[in-house]
Amino acid sequence: MTHTRIHVAVVGAGAAGLHAAQLLTTAGRGMCVDLYDKLPCPHALLQHATGAGTLRFVGNITVGRDVALAQLNRTYDAVISTVSELHSPYGHPTDILYDAFTGRLRPSAEERGLHPATFPDELKAAGLPITVWQAPSQTTAPLETLEQWTYALYQAEQVPICD
């Protein structure tokens, strides 16, 4: 039996989205998490990074407008929505994500011929001006003081949104 990484999209980088991403990346099951948000930069996200390649921020994209929630559900092994705008009074969000919560195994995204790792590149190719931030490796020197984080955030906010 081959072990493939589980690719999860978390929609919303608020408190619930950050908490979900943290739980997923520290679960020890080889999960790769893409955190989608309408803001262009991750703000406090990078200080919670757990290791290289497990957490990626895809910013400046509004799920439901720029990309359909159903498209994310087809591309990733699981999708967690933490933004209230996507929750319709006429349908519960778990109706869309049924397979992710039933315990029923469905083929992984890679086994279905999909490539979540390259999905942000496909969004860029479609002309969406998204930003992508990869979590730093554990060898990166940590930013330990509030002043260092404030300066890092200032620098991040100065990055132009372009390809």
N, C-alpha and C. Protein backbone atom coordinates (compact mmCIF):
# COMPACT_ATOMS: atom_id res chain seq x y z
N MET A 1 0.84 -1.18 0.00
CA MET A 1 0.00 0.00 0.00
C MET A 1 0.88 1.24 0.00
N THR A 2 0.65 2.11 -0.93
CA THR A 2 1.44 3.33 -1.00
C THR A 2 0.80 4.42 -0.16
N HIS A 3 1.64 5.24 0.42
CA HIS A 3 1.14 6.34 1.25
C HIS A 3 1.27 7.63 0.45
N THR A 4 0.14 8.26 0.18
CA THR A 4 0.17 9.55 -0.50
C THR A 4 -0.20 10.62 0.50
N ARG A 5 0.30 11.80 0.26
CA ARG A 5 -0.02 12.92 1.15
C ARG A 5 -1.47 13.31 0.97
N ILE A 6 -2.07 13.75 2.04
CA ILE A 6 -3.45 14.23 2.01
C ILE A 6 -3.40 15.73 1.80
N HIS A 7 -4.11 16.21 0.78
CA HIS A 7 -4.13 17.64 0.45
C HIS A 7 -5.47 18.22 0.91
N VAL A 8 -5.40 19.24 1.76
CA VAL A 8 -6.60 19.86 2.33
C VAL A 8 -6.58 21.35 2.02
N ALA A 9 -7.73 21.89 1.60
CA ALA A 9 -7.88 23.33 1.41
C ALA A 9 -8.70 23.86 2.59
N VAL A 10 -8.19 24.88 3.24
CA VAL A 10 -8.92 25.56 4.31
C VAL A 10 -9.28 26.94 3.77
N VAL A 11 -10.56 27.27 3.76
CA VAL A 11 -11.03 28.55 3.24
C VAL A 11 -11.25 29.50 4.41
N GLY A 12 -10.49 30.58 4.43
CA GLY A 12 -10.60 31.59 5.48
C GLY A 12 -9.40 31.53 6.41
N ALA A 13 -8.69 32.65 6.55
CA ALA A 13 -7.50 32.71 7.40
C ALA A 13 -7.77 33.47 8.69
N GLY A 14 -9.02 33.42 9.14
CA GLY A 14 -9.36 34.00 10.44
C GLY A 14 -8.95 33.03 11.55
N ALA A 15 -9.47 33.26 12.74
CA ALA A 15 -9.11 32.43 13.89
C ALA A 15 -9.44 30.95 13.65
N ALA A 16 -10.63 30.67 13.11
CA ALA A 16 -11.03 29.28 12.88
C ALA A 16 -10.17 28.63 11.80
N GLY A 17 -9.89 29.36 10.73
CA GLY A 17 -9.07 28.81 9.65
C GLY A 17 -7.64 28.54 10.09
N LEU A 18 -7.06 29.48 10.86
CA LEU A 18 -5.71 29.28 11.36
C LEU A 18 -5.65 28.10 12.32
N HIS A 19 -6.68 27.97 13.16
CA HIS A 19 -6.72 26.85 14.10
C HIS A 19 -6.84 25.53 13.36
N ALA A 20 -7.71 25.49 12.35
CA ALA A 20 -7.87 24.26 11.56
C ALA A 20 -6.56 23.90 10.87
N ALA A 21 -5.90 24.89 10.27
CA ALA A 21 -4.62 24.64 9.59
C ALA A 21 -3.57 24.13 10.57
N GLN A 22 -3.55 24.70 11.77
CA GLN A 22 -2.59 24.26 12.77
C GLN A 22 -2.86 22.82 13.18
N LEU A 23 -4.12 22.48 13.42
CA LEU A 23 -4.46 21.11 13.80
C LEU A 23 -4.09 20.12 12.70
N LEU A 24 -4.35 20.49 11.46
CA LEU A 24 -4.06 19.59 10.34
C LEU A 24 -2.56 19.39 10.15
N THR A 25 -1.78 20.46 10.22
CA THR A 25 -0.34 20.34 9.97
C THR A 25 0.40 19.67 11.11
N THR A 26 -0.18 19.67 12.30
CA THR A 26 0.48 19.02 13.43
C THR A 26 -0.09 17.65 13.73
N ALA A 27 -1.00 17.16 12.90
CA ALA A 27 -1.64 15.87 13.15
C ALA A 27 -0.70 14.69 12.91
N GLY A 28 0.40 14.93 12.22
CA GLY A 28 1.37 13.87 11.99
C GLY A 28 0.94 12.84 10.96
N ARG A 29 0.09 13.23 10.04
CA ARG A 29 -0.39 12.30 9.02
C ARG A 29 0.04 12.72 7.61
N GLY A 30 1.05 13.55 7.51
CA GLY A 30 1.55 13.96 6.20
C GLY A 30 0.59 14.81 5.41
N MET A 31 -0.12 15.72 6.08
CA MET A 31 -1.09 16.56 5.39
C MET A 31 -0.43 17.81 4.83
N CYS A 32 -0.82 18.17 3.62
CA CYS A 32 -0.42 19.43 3.00
C CYS A 32 -1.65 20.33 3.01
N VAL A 33 -1.52 21.52 3.56
CA VAL A 33 -2.65 22.41 3.72
C VAL A 33 -2.44 23.68 2.90
N ASP A 34 -3.42 24.03 2.08
CA ASP A 34 -3.46 25.31 1.39
C ASP A 34 -4.53 26.15 2.07
N LEU A 35 -4.15 27.30 2.58
CA LEU A 35 -5.06 28.19 3.30
C LEU A 35 -5.43 29.34 2.37
N TYR A 36 -6.70 29.40 1.96
CA TYR A 36 -7.19 30.41 1.02
C TYR A 36 -7.82 31.58 1.78
N ASP A 37 -7.50 32.81 1.35
CA ASP A 37 -8.11 33.97 1.98
C ASP A 37 -8.19 35.12 0.99
N LYS A 38 -9.13 36.04 1.24
CA LYS A 38 -9.29 37.19 0.34
C LYS A 38 -8.22 38.25 0.55
N LEU A 39 -7.52 38.22 1.68
CA LEU A 39 -6.43 39.17 1.91
C LEU A 39 -5.17 38.70 1.18
N PRO A 40 -4.32 39.64 0.73
CA PRO A 40 -3.16 39.25 -0.07
C PRO A 40 -1.97 38.70 0.72
N CYS A 41 -1.89 38.97 2.03
CA CYS A 41 -0.73 38.47 2.77
C CYS A 41 -1.19 37.76 4.05
N PRO A 42 -0.37 36.84 4.54
CA PRO A 42 -0.81 35.97 5.62
C PRO A 42 -0.76 36.56 7.02
N HIS A 43 -0.28 37.75 7.19
CA HIS A 43 -0.15 38.39 8.50
C HIS A 43 0.53 37.45 9.49
N ALA A 44 -0.14 37.01 10.54
CA ALA A 44 0.51 36.23 11.60
C ALA A 44 0.66 34.75 11.26
N LEU A 45 0.28 34.35 10.08
CA LEU A 45 0.30 32.93 9.73
C LEU A 45 1.68 32.31 9.83
N LEU A 46 2.70 32.95 9.30
CA LEU A 46 4.00 32.31 9.18
C LEU A 46 4.65 32.01 10.52
N GLN A 47 4.27 32.69 11.57
CA GLN A 47 4.87 32.39 12.87
C GLN A 47 4.39 31.04 13.40
N HIS A 48 3.29 30.52 12.85
CA HIS A 48 2.77 29.24 13.30
C HIS A 48 3.15 28.11 12.37
N ALA A 49 4.03 28.36 11.41
CA ALA A 49 4.42 27.33 10.44
C ALA A 49 5.11 26.17 11.16
N THR A 50 4.78 24.96 10.73
CA THR A 50 5.32 23.78 11.39
C THR A 50 6.44 23.12 10.62
N GLY A 51 6.63 23.46 9.37
CA GLY A 51 7.70 22.85 8.61
C GLY A 51 7.53 23.13 7.13
N ALA A 52 8.59 22.91 6.40
CA ALA A 52 8.57 23.21 4.97
C ALA A 52 7.60 22.29 4.23
N GLY A 53 6.84 22.88 3.34
CA GLY A 53 6.00 22.09 2.46
C GLY A 53 4.68 21.63 3.03
N THR A 54 4.37 21.95 4.28
CA THR A 54 3.11 21.47 4.83
C THR A 54 2.01 22.52 4.83
N LEU A 55 2.38 23.79 4.80
CA LEU A 55 1.39 24.85 4.87
C LEU A 55 1.73 25.92 3.83
N ARG A 56 0.72 26.26 3.04
CA ARG A 56 0.90 27.29 2.00
C ARG A 56 -0.31 28.22 2.06
N PHE A 57 -0.05 29.52 1.98
CA PHE A 57 -1.10 30.52 1.99
C PHE A 57 -1.34 30.98 0.56
N VAL A 58 -2.59 30.94 0.12
CA VAL A 58 -2.97 31.42 -1.21
C VAL A 58 -3.89 32.61 -0.99
N GLY A 59 -3.38 33.81 -1.23
CA GLY A 59 -4.12 35.01 -0.90
C GLY A 59 -4.64 35.77 -2.10
N ASN A 60 -5.43 36.79 -1.79
CA ASN A 60 -6.03 37.68 -2.79
C ASN A 60 -7.00 36.92 -3.68
N ILE A 61 -7.69 35.96 -3.09
CA ILE A 61 -8.66 35.17 -3.84
C ILE A 61 -9.90 34.97 -2.97
N THR A 62 -11.05 35.22 -3.55
CA THR A 62 -12.30 35.04 -2.83
C THR A 62 -12.98 33.78 -3.34
N VAL A 63 -13.06 32.78 -2.47
CA VAL A 63 -13.73 31.54 -2.83
C VAL A 63 -15.22 31.83 -2.94
N GLY A 64 -15.82 31.39 -4.02
CA GLY A 64 -17.21 31.68 -4.30
C GLY A 64 -17.35 32.74 -5.38
N ARG A 65 -16.30 33.55 -5.56
CA ARG A 65 -16.28 34.55 -6.63
C ARG A 65 -15.18 34.22 -7.65
N ASP A 66 -13.93 34.10 -7.17
CA ASP A 66 -12.81 33.83 -8.06
C ASP A 66 -12.67 32.35 -8.40
N VAL A 67 -13.00 31.51 -7.47
CA VAL A 67 -12.96 30.06 -7.66
C VAL A 67 -14.14 29.46 -6.90
N ALA A 68 -14.80 28.49 -7.50
CA ALA A 68 -15.98 27.89 -6.88
C ALA A 68 -15.56 26.91 -5.78
N LEU A 69 -16.34 26.88 -4.71
CA LEU A 69 -16.10 25.93 -3.64
C LEU A 69 -16.14 24.50 -4.18
N ALA A 70 -17.04 24.25 -5.12
CA ALA A 70 -17.14 22.91 -5.73
C ALA A 70 -15.85 22.55 -6.47
N GLN A 71 -15.20 23.55 -7.08
CA GLN A 71 -13.94 23.29 -7.78
C GLN A 71 -12.85 22.90 -6.79
N LEU A 72 -12.80 23.58 -5.64
CA LEU A 72 -11.84 23.19 -4.61
C LEU A 72 -12.14 21.77 -4.12
N ASN A 73 -13.41 21.45 -3.94
CA ASN A 73 -13.79 20.13 -3.45
C ASN A 73 -13.38 19.04 -4.44
N ARG A 74 -13.42 19.34 -5.73
CA ARG A 74 -12.98 18.36 -6.73
C ARG A 74 -11.46 18.22 -6.75
N THR A 75 -10.74 19.29 -6.43
CA THR A 75 -9.29 19.31 -6.54
C THR A 75 -8.59 18.74 -5.31
N TYR A 76 -9.13 18.98 -4.13
CA TYR A 76 -8.48 18.57 -2.89
C TYR A 76 -9.13 17.32 -2.32
N ASP A 77 -8.40 16.65 -1.41
CA ASP A 77 -8.95 15.49 -0.73
C ASP A 77 -10.05 15.91 0.24
N ALA A 78 -9.92 17.08 0.83
CA ALA A 78 -10.93 17.61 1.75
C ALA A 78 -10.88 19.13 1.70
N VAL A 79 -12.02 19.76 1.98
CA VAL A 79 -12.11 21.22 2.02
C VAL A 79 -12.82 21.59 3.31
N ILE A 80 -12.25 22.55 4.04
CA ILE A 80 -12.87 23.05 5.26
C ILE A 80 -13.17 24.52 5.04
N SER A 81 -14.43 24.89 5.15
CA SER A 81 -14.83 26.29 5.00
C SER A 81 -15.03 26.90 6.37
N THR A 82 -14.32 27.99 6.65
CA THR A 82 -14.47 28.68 7.93
C THR A 82 -15.01 30.09 7.75
N VAL A 83 -15.52 30.40 6.56
CA VAL A 83 -16.05 31.73 6.30
C VAL A 83 -17.57 31.66 6.18
N SER A 84 -18.25 32.57 6.85
CA SER A 84 -19.71 32.53 6.89
C SER A 84 -20.35 32.86 5.56
N GLU A 85 -19.63 33.59 4.69
CA GLU A 85 -20.22 33.96 3.40
C GLU A 85 -20.55 32.75 2.53
N LEU A 86 -19.85 31.64 2.75
CA LEU A 86 -20.07 30.45 1.93
C LEU A 86 -21.17 29.55 2.47
N HIS A 87 -21.66 29.86 3.65
CA HIS A 87 -22.68 29.01 4.26
C HIS A 87 -24.06 29.52 3.89
N SER A 88 -24.73 28.77 3.06
CA SER A 88 -26.04 29.17 2.56
C SER A 88 -27.14 28.74 3.53
N PRO A 89 -28.19 29.57 3.72
CA PRO A 89 -29.30 29.13 4.56
C PRO A 89 -30.09 27.99 3.91
N TYR A 90 -29.85 27.74 2.62
CA TYR A 90 -30.58 26.70 1.91
C TYR A 90 -29.82 25.40 1.79
N GLY A 91 -28.66 25.33 2.38
CA GLY A 91 -27.89 24.10 2.33
C GLY A 91 -26.72 24.18 3.28
N HIS A 92 -26.46 23.12 3.98
CA HIS A 92 -25.37 23.10 4.93
C HIS A 92 -24.07 22.83 4.18
N PRO A 93 -22.96 23.49 4.54
CA PRO A 93 -21.72 23.28 3.80
C PRO A 93 -21.25 21.84 3.80
N THR A 94 -21.61 21.07 4.82
CA THR A 94 -21.16 19.67 4.83
C THR A 94 -21.87 18.84 3.78
N ASP A 95 -22.97 19.35 3.20
CA ASP A 95 -23.60 18.63 2.09
C ASP A 95 -22.63 18.56 0.91
N ILE A 96 -21.88 19.63 0.68
CA ILE A 96 -20.92 19.68 -0.41
C ILE A 96 -19.71 18.81 -0.09
N LEU A 97 -19.33 18.76 1.18
CA LEU A 97 -18.10 18.10 1.60
C LEU A 97 -18.36 16.71 2.17
N TYR A 98 -19.44 16.09 1.76
CA TYR A 98 -19.91 14.85 2.37
C TYR A 98 -18.82 13.81 2.53
N ASP A 99 -18.02 13.55 1.50
CA ASP A 99 -17.00 12.51 1.57
C ASP A 99 -15.94 12.80 2.62
N ALA A 100 -15.65 14.06 2.87
CA ALA A 100 -14.60 14.41 3.81
C ALA A 100 -14.97 14.06 5.24
N PHE A 101 -16.25 13.91 5.54
CA PHE A 101 -16.67 13.72 6.92
C PHE A 101 -17.33 12.37 7.19
N THR A 102 -17.52 11.54 6.19
CA THR A 102 -18.22 10.28 6.40
C THR A 102 -17.32 9.16 6.87
N GLY A 103 -16.02 9.33 6.74
CA GLY A 103 -15.12 8.25 7.06
C GLY A 103 -14.97 7.30 5.89
N ARG A 104 -15.75 7.49 4.86
CA ARG A 104 -15.66 6.66 3.66
C ARG A 104 -14.45 7.14 2.87
N LEU A 105 -13.57 6.20 2.55
CA LEU A 105 -12.37 6.58 1.82
C LEU A 105 -12.69 6.77 0.35
N ARG A 106 -12.30 7.88 -0.16
CA ARG A 106 -12.39 8.10 -1.59
C ARG A 106 -10.96 8.19 -2.10
N PRO A 107 -10.74 7.95 -3.36
CA PRO A 107 -9.36 8.04 -3.87
C PRO A 107 -8.78 9.42 -3.60
N SER A 108 -7.48 9.46 -3.33
CA SER A 108 -6.85 10.75 -3.07
C SER A 108 -6.90 11.60 -4.34
N ALA A 109 -6.65 12.89 -4.16
CA ALA A 109 -6.66 13.80 -5.30
C ALA A 109 -5.66 13.34 -6.36
N GLU A 110 -4.49 12.90 -5.92
CA GLU A 110 -3.48 12.44 -6.87
C GLU A 110 -3.94 11.18 -7.60
N GLU A 111 -4.59 10.27 -6.88
CA GLU A 111 -5.10 9.05 -7.51
C GLU A 111 -6.22 9.36 -8.50
N ARG A 112 -6.92 10.48 -8.30
CA ARG A 112 -7.97 10.89 -9.23
C ARG A 112 -7.41 11.71 -10.39
N GLY A 113 -6.08 11.83 -10.47
CA GLY A 113 -5.46 12.55 -11.57
C GLY A 113 -5.42 14.05 -11.37
N LEU A 114 -5.66 14.51 -10.15
CA LEU A 114 -5.64 15.95 -9.85
C LEU A 114 -4.33 16.29 -9.17
N HIS A 115 -3.97 17.54 -9.22
CA HIS A 115 -2.69 17.97 -8.66
C HIS A 115 -2.88 19.22 -7.81
N PRO A 116 -3.30 19.05 -6.52
CA PRO A 116 -3.50 20.21 -5.66
C PRO A 116 -2.26 21.08 -5.51
N ALA A 117 -1.09 20.49 -5.60
CA ALA A 117 0.14 21.26 -5.43
C ALA A 117 0.30 22.32 -6.52
N THR A 118 -0.27 22.09 -7.70
CA THR A 118 -0.13 23.05 -8.80
C THR A 118 -1.40 23.88 -9.02
N PHE A 119 -2.43 23.68 -8.19
CA PHE A 119 -3.69 24.40 -8.38
C PHE A 119 -3.52 25.91 -8.32
N PRO A 120 -2.75 26.48 -7.36
CA PRO A 120 -2.55 27.93 -7.39
C PRO A 120 -1.92 28.42 -8.69
N ASP A 121 -1.02 27.62 -9.27
CA ASP A 121 -0.43 28.00 -10.56
C ASP A 121 -1.49 28.05 -11.65
N GLU A 122 -2.46 27.14 -11.59
CA GLU A 122 -3.56 27.14 -12.55
C GLU A 122 -4.42 28.40 -12.39
N LEU A 123 -4.62 28.84 -11.14
CA LEU A 123 -5.38 30.06 -10.89
C LEU A 123 -4.65 31.27 -11.48
N LYS A 124 -3.32 31.31 -11.30
CA LYS A 124 -2.52 32.40 -11.88
C LYS A 124 -2.61 32.37 -13.40
N ALA A 125 -2.52 31.17 -13.98
CA ALA A 125 -2.59 31.04 -15.44
C ALA A 125 -3.94 31.50 -15.97
N ALA A 126 -4.98 31.40 -15.13
CA ALA A 126 -6.32 31.85 -15.53
C ALA A 126 -6.46 33.36 -15.41
N GLY A 127 -5.40 34.05 -14.95
CA GLY A 127 -5.42 35.50 -14.88
C GLY A 127 -5.80 36.08 -13.54
N LEU A 128 -5.93 35.25 -12.50
CA LEU A 128 -6.26 35.77 -11.17
C LEU A 128 -4.98 36.27 -10.51
N PRO A 129 -4.98 37.50 -9.99
CA PRO A 129 -3.77 38.06 -9.38
C PRO A 129 -3.60 37.59 -7.94
N ILE A 130 -3.37 36.30 -7.76
CA ILE A 130 -3.26 35.75 -6.41
C ILE A 130 -1.84 35.90 -5.88
N THR A 131 -1.70 35.77 -4.57
CA THR A 131 -0.38 35.72 -3.94
C THR A 131 -0.23 34.36 -3.30
N VAL A 132 0.96 33.83 -3.27
CA VAL A 132 1.21 32.53 -2.66
C VAL A 132 2.39 32.67 -1.70
N TRP A 133 2.19 32.24 -0.47
CA TRP A 133 3.23 32.29 0.55
C TRP A 133 3.45 30.88 1.04
N GLN A 134 4.66 30.38 0.92
CA GLN A 134 5.00 29.05 1.41
C GLN A 134 5.53 29.20 2.82
N ALA A 135 5.14 28.27 3.69
CA ALA A 135 5.65 28.31 5.06
C ALA A 135 7.16 28.09 5.04
N PRO A 136 7.89 28.80 5.88
CA PRO A 136 9.34 28.65 5.87
C PRO A 136 9.76 27.30 6.44
N SER A 137 10.96 26.87 6.08
CA SER A 137 11.46 25.62 6.63
C SER A 137 11.87 25.85 8.08
N GLN A 138 12.03 24.76 8.79
CA GLN A 138 12.40 24.89 10.20
C GLN A 138 13.82 25.41 10.37
N THR A 139 14.59 25.42 9.30
CA THR A 139 15.95 25.96 9.39
C THR A 139 15.96 27.48 9.31
N THR A 140 14.83 28.08 8.97
CA THR A 140 14.75 29.53 8.91
C THR A 140 14.85 30.09 10.33
N ALA A 141 15.63 31.13 10.49
CA ALA A 141 15.77 31.74 11.81
C ALA A 141 14.42 32.29 12.25
N PRO A 142 13.99 31.97 13.47
CA PRO A 142 12.67 32.43 13.92
C PRO A 142 12.66 33.93 14.22
N LEU A 143 11.51 34.52 14.01
CA LEU A 143 11.32 35.91 14.39
C LEU A 143 10.71 35.88 15.79
N GLU A 144 11.47 36.30 16.77
CA GLU A 144 11.06 36.08 18.15
C GLU A 144 10.46 37.30 18.84
N THR A 145 10.68 38.47 18.32
CA THR A 145 10.17 39.64 19.02
C THR A 145 9.05 40.29 18.23
N LEU A 146 8.23 41.03 18.92
CA LEU A 146 7.14 41.75 18.29
C LEU A 146 7.66 42.72 17.24
N GLU A 147 8.79 43.36 17.53
CA GLU A 147 9.37 44.30 16.57
C GLU A 147 9.77 43.59 15.28
N GLN A 148 10.35 42.39 15.40
CA GLN A 148 10.74 41.64 14.20
C GLN A 148 9.51 41.27 13.38
N TRP A 149 8.43 40.85 14.04
CA TRP A 149 7.21 40.48 13.32
C TRP A 149 6.56 41.70 12.69
N THR A 150 6.56 42.81 13.40
CA THR A 150 5.98 44.03 12.85
C THR A 150 6.73 44.44 11.59
N TYR A 151 8.06 44.37 11.63
CA TYR A 151 8.85 44.73 10.45
C TYR A 151 8.59 43.74 9.31
N ALA A 152 8.51 42.44 9.62
CA ALA A 152 8.25 41.43 8.59
C ALA A 152 6.88 41.66 7.94
N LEU A 153 5.88 42.00 8.74
CA LEU A 153 4.55 42.27 8.20
C LEU A 153 4.56 43.53 7.33
N TYR A 154 5.28 44.55 7.77
CA TYR A 154 5.39 45.77 6.97
C TYR A 154 6.01 45.45 5.62
N GLN A 155 7.08 44.65 5.62
CA GLN A 155 7.74 44.28 4.36
C GLN A 155 6.79 43.46 3.48
N ALA A 156 6.03 42.54 4.09
CA ALA A 156 5.11 41.70 3.32
C ALA A 156 4.01 42.54 2.68
N GLU A 157 3.53 43.55 3.39
CA GLU A 157 2.45 44.38 2.86
C GLU A 157 2.94 45.26 1.71
N GLN A 158 4.25 45.44 1.58
CA GLN A 158 4.80 46.26 0.50
C GLN A 158 4.97 45.48 -0.80
N VAL A 159 4.79 44.16 -0.74
CA VAL A 159 4.97 43.32 -1.93
C VAL A 159 3.83 43.59 -2.89
N PRO A 160 4.13 43.95 -4.14
CA PRO A 160 3.04 44.20 -5.10
C PRO A 160 2.33 42.91 -5.47
N ILE A 161 1.06 43.03 -5.76
CA ILE A 161 0.26 41.87 -6.16
C ILE A 161 0.35 41.76 -7.68
N CYS A 162 1.20 40.87 -8.14
CA CYS A 162 1.38 40.67 -9.57
C CYS A 162 2.06 39.32 -9.79
N ASP A 163 2.12 38.90 -11.04
CA ASP A 163 2.78 37.62 -11.36
C ASP A 163 4.27 37.76 -11.30
